[in-house]
């Protein structure tokens, strides 16, 4: 937790310099509090860096494809010249990401994660998949992660302005 706190403080300080007035002075503290609520419920003082990274990626303002690619990079395992994501790694990713809606009472059961893992690996004979298969599956908007593209679409429409007048 202390290491993540230092990284968040540095991250938000850099952003504060780049975009003055747009970062709350306690942003690092609030973000750490959210991460601890999601990943350290028992107060052990330990949060997996990979879990925290997944949450920060998911909650970032980036578009979906870069987020999906980053998830793959964080959870994939090297296999010779390429990286692959295993069933186990996908389960970890989905479990980590589902802590985000769970914090607001929208939890998913372990069976949801298993069903999603099975759907991703449907028709796959190997124990792991390449990035393109993973991205293709995410683009199909699996139910277990439907909140992610929905949140993205909501945030993307916040700045839409129409020149229409209503009566």
Protein backbone atom coordinates (compact mmCIF):
# COMPACT_ATOMS: atom_id res chain seq x y z
CA UNK A 1 0.00 0.00 0.00
CA UNK A 2 2.85 2.41 0.82
CA UNK A 3 4.50 1.75 -2.54
CA UNK A 4 1.24 2.33 -4.40
CA UNK A 5 0.67 5.48 -2.34
CA UNK A 6 4.05 6.87 -3.44
CA UNK A 7 3.35 6.02 -7.08
CA UNK A 8 -0.09 7.65 -6.97
CA UNK A 9 1.30 10.77 -5.31
CA UNK A 10 3.96 11.09 -8.00
CA UNK A 11 1.44 10.39 -10.77
CA UNK A 12 -1.02 13.03 -9.58
CA UNK A 13 1.76 15.57 -8.97
CA UNK A 14 2.87 15.20 -12.60
CA UNK A 15 -0.70 15.55 -13.84
CA UNK A 16 -1.24 18.57 -11.58
CA UNK A 17 1.76 20.25 -13.26
CA UNK A 18 0.49 19.40 -16.75
CA UNK A 19 -3.11 20.39 -16.05
CA UNK A 20 -3.19 23.00 -13.28
CA UNK A 21 -6.49 23.26 -11.45
CA UNK A 22 -7.85 19.99 -12.79
CA UNK A 23 -6.55 17.63 -10.09
CA UNK A 24 -7.96 17.60 -6.60
CA UNK A 25 -5.19 18.07 -4.00
CA UNK A 26 -6.21 14.83 -2.28
CA UNK A 27 -6.64 12.79 -5.50
CA UNK A 28 -3.85 10.35 -4.59
CA UNK A 29 -5.31 9.82 -1.12
CA UNK A 30 -8.84 9.27 -2.47
CA UNK A 31 -7.60 6.89 -5.17
CA UNK A 32 -5.60 4.88 -2.65
CA UNK A 33 -8.64 4.71 -0.38
CA UNK A 34 -10.72 3.35 -3.27
CA UNK A 35 -8.06 0.78 -4.18
CA UNK A 36 -7.79 -0.33 -0.55
CA UNK A 37 -11.56 -0.67 -0.30
CA UNK A 38 -11.54 -2.87 -3.40
CA UNK A 39 -8.41 -4.96 -2.84
CA UNK A 40 -7.52 -4.80 0.86
CA UNK A 41 -10.80 -5.20 2.69
CA UNK A 42 -9.18 -6.90 5.67
CA UNK A 43 -6.64 -4.09 6.12
CA UNK A 44 -3.49 -6.15 5.63
CA UNK A 45 -1.66 -3.22 4.04
CA UNK A 46 -1.07 -5.28 0.91
CA UNK A 47 -2.57 -4.70 -2.54
CA UNK A 48 -1.34 -6.58 -5.59
CA UNK A 49 0.25 -4.10 -7.96
CA UNK A 50 -1.35 -5.87 -10.91
CA UNK A 51 -4.82 -5.52 -9.35
CA UNK A 52 -4.28 -1.82 -8.68
CA UNK A 53 -2.99 -1.33 -12.23
CA UNK A 54 -6.06 -3.08 -13.68
CA UNK A 55 -8.37 -0.79 -11.70
CA UNK A 56 -6.46 2.35 -12.71
CA UNK A 57 -6.53 1.28 -16.35
CA UNK A 58 -10.25 0.52 -16.21
CA UNK A 59 -11.02 3.85 -14.54
CA UNK A 60 -8.75 5.89 -16.82
CA UNK A 61 -10.11 8.23 -19.46
CA UNK A 62 -8.56 6.27 -22.30
CA UNK A 63 -10.57 4.59 -25.04
CA UNK A 64 -11.49 0.92 -24.78
CA UNK A 65 -8.94 -0.64 -27.13
CA UNK A 66 -5.87 0.77 -25.32
CA UNK A 67 -7.41 -0.36 -22.03
CA UNK A 68 -7.93 -3.87 -23.39
CA UNK A 69 -4.37 -4.01 -24.71
CA UNK A 70 -3.03 -2.86 -21.34
CA UNK A 71 -5.03 -5.57 -19.55
CA UNK A 72 -3.45 -8.13 -21.84
CA UNK A 73 0.05 -6.79 -21.19
CA UNK A 74 -0.39 -6.91 -17.41
CA UNK A 75 -1.93 -10.39 -17.25
CA UNK A 76 -0.31 -12.24 -20.16
CA UNK A 77 2.60 -14.61 -19.69
CA UNK A 78 5.56 -14.76 -22.08
CA UNK A 79 5.69 -17.79 -24.33
CA UNK A 80 8.74 -17.66 -26.54
CA UNK A 81 8.42 -14.70 -28.88
CA UNK A 82 4.83 -13.92 -27.98
CA UNK A 83 2.66 -13.37 -24.94
CA UNK A 84 -0.42 -15.42 -24.12
CA UNK A 85 -3.16 -15.13 -21.60
CA UNK A 86 -4.04 -18.32 -19.75
CA UNK A 87 -7.38 -19.31 -18.27
CA UNK A 88 -5.96 -18.68 -14.82
CA UNK A 89 -4.70 -15.21 -15.78
CA UNK A 90 -8.07 -14.36 -17.34
CA UNK A 91 -9.84 -15.46 -14.14
CA UNK A 92 -7.50 -13.20 -12.15
CA UNK A 93 -8.15 -10.26 -14.46
CA UNK A 94 -11.92 -10.70 -14.34
CA UNK A 95 -11.90 -11.14 -10.57
CA UNK A 96 -9.77 -8.00 -10.17
CA UNK A 97 -11.94 -5.94 -12.52
CA UNK A 98 -15.14 -7.07 -10.87
CA UNK A 99 -14.05 -5.48 -7.62
CA UNK A 100 -14.85 -2.12 -9.25
CA UNK A 101 -18.62 -2.60 -9.62
CA UNK A 102 -18.63 -4.61 -6.39
CA UNK A 103 -17.58 -1.51 -4.46
CA UNK A 104 -20.92 0.07 -5.40
CA UNK A 105 -22.93 -3.06 -4.67
CA UNK A 106 -22.98 -4.54 -8.18
CA UNK A 107 -21.18 -7.76 -7.45
CA UNK A 108 -20.63 -10.72 -9.70
CA UNK A 109 -20.40 -14.29 -8.50
CA UNK A 110 -17.50 -16.60 -9.18
CA UNK A 111 -19.75 -18.46 -11.60
CA UNK A 112 -19.95 -15.29 -13.74
CA UNK A 113 -16.17 -15.30 -14.00
CA UNK A 114 -16.14 -19.00 -14.89
CA UNK A 115 -18.84 -18.55 -17.54
CA UNK A 116 -16.93 -15.62 -19.03
CA UNK A 117 -13.66 -17.56 -19.02
CA UNK A 118 -15.38 -20.48 -20.74
CA UNK A 119 -16.87 -18.16 -23.39
CA UNK A 120 -13.48 -16.57 -24.09
CA UNK A 121 -11.84 -19.96 -24.54
CA UNK A 122 -14.77 -21.46 -26.47
CA UNK A 123 -13.37 -23.46 -29.37
CA UNK A 124 -9.79 -23.00 -28.20
CA UNK A 125 -7.80 -26.21 -27.80
CA UNK A 126 -4.74 -24.59 -26.22
CA UNK A 127 -4.38 -23.61 -22.59
CA UNK A 128 -3.77 -19.97 -23.54
CA UNK A 129 -4.84 -17.45 -26.18
CA UNK A 130 -3.09 -14.73 -28.17
CA UNK A 131 -3.84 -11.03 -27.85
CA UNK A 132 -6.07 -10.84 -30.94
CA UNK A 133 -8.40 -13.58 -29.63
CA UNK A 134 -8.52 -11.82 -26.25
CA UNK A 135 -9.29 -8.44 -27.86
CA UNK A 136 -11.92 -9.97 -30.11
CA UNK A 137 -13.64 -11.51 -27.09
CA UNK A 138 -13.58 -8.20 -25.19
CA UNK A 139 -15.00 -6.35 -28.21
CA UNK A 140 -17.98 -8.74 -28.10
CA UNK A 141 -18.81 -7.10 -24.74
CA UNK A 142 -19.06 -10.12 -22.46
CA UNK A 143 -21.76 -9.71 -19.80
CA UNK A 144 -19.27 -9.94 -16.93
CA UNK A 145 -17.57 -6.75 -18.15
CA UNK A 146 -20.52 -4.95 -19.70
CA UNK A 147 -20.09 -2.15 -17.16
CA UNK A 148 -16.74 -1.17 -18.70
CA UNK A 149 -17.89 -0.16 -22.22
CA UNK A 150 -21.06 1.31 -20.68
CA UNK A 151 -19.03 3.58 -18.39
CA UNK A 152 -16.81 4.54 -21.31
CA UNK A 153 -19.80 5.49 -23.46
CA UNK A 154 -21.30 7.53 -20.63
CA UNK A 155 -18.07 9.44 -20.07
CA UNK A 156 -17.60 9.97 -23.81
CA UNK A 157 -21.04 11.58 -24.11
CA UNK A 158 -20.54 13.96 -21.18
CA UNK A 159 -18.92 16.53 -23.43
CA UNK A 160 -21.37 16.23 -26.33
CA UNK A 161 -23.04 19.53 -27.08
CA UNK A 162 -25.85 19.96 -29.60
CA UNK A 163 -26.95 23.24 -31.16
CA UNK A 164 -30.61 22.24 -30.82
CA UNK A 165 -33.16 24.25 -28.89
CA UNK A 166 -35.99 22.70 -26.95
CA UNK A 167 -39.37 24.24 -26.30
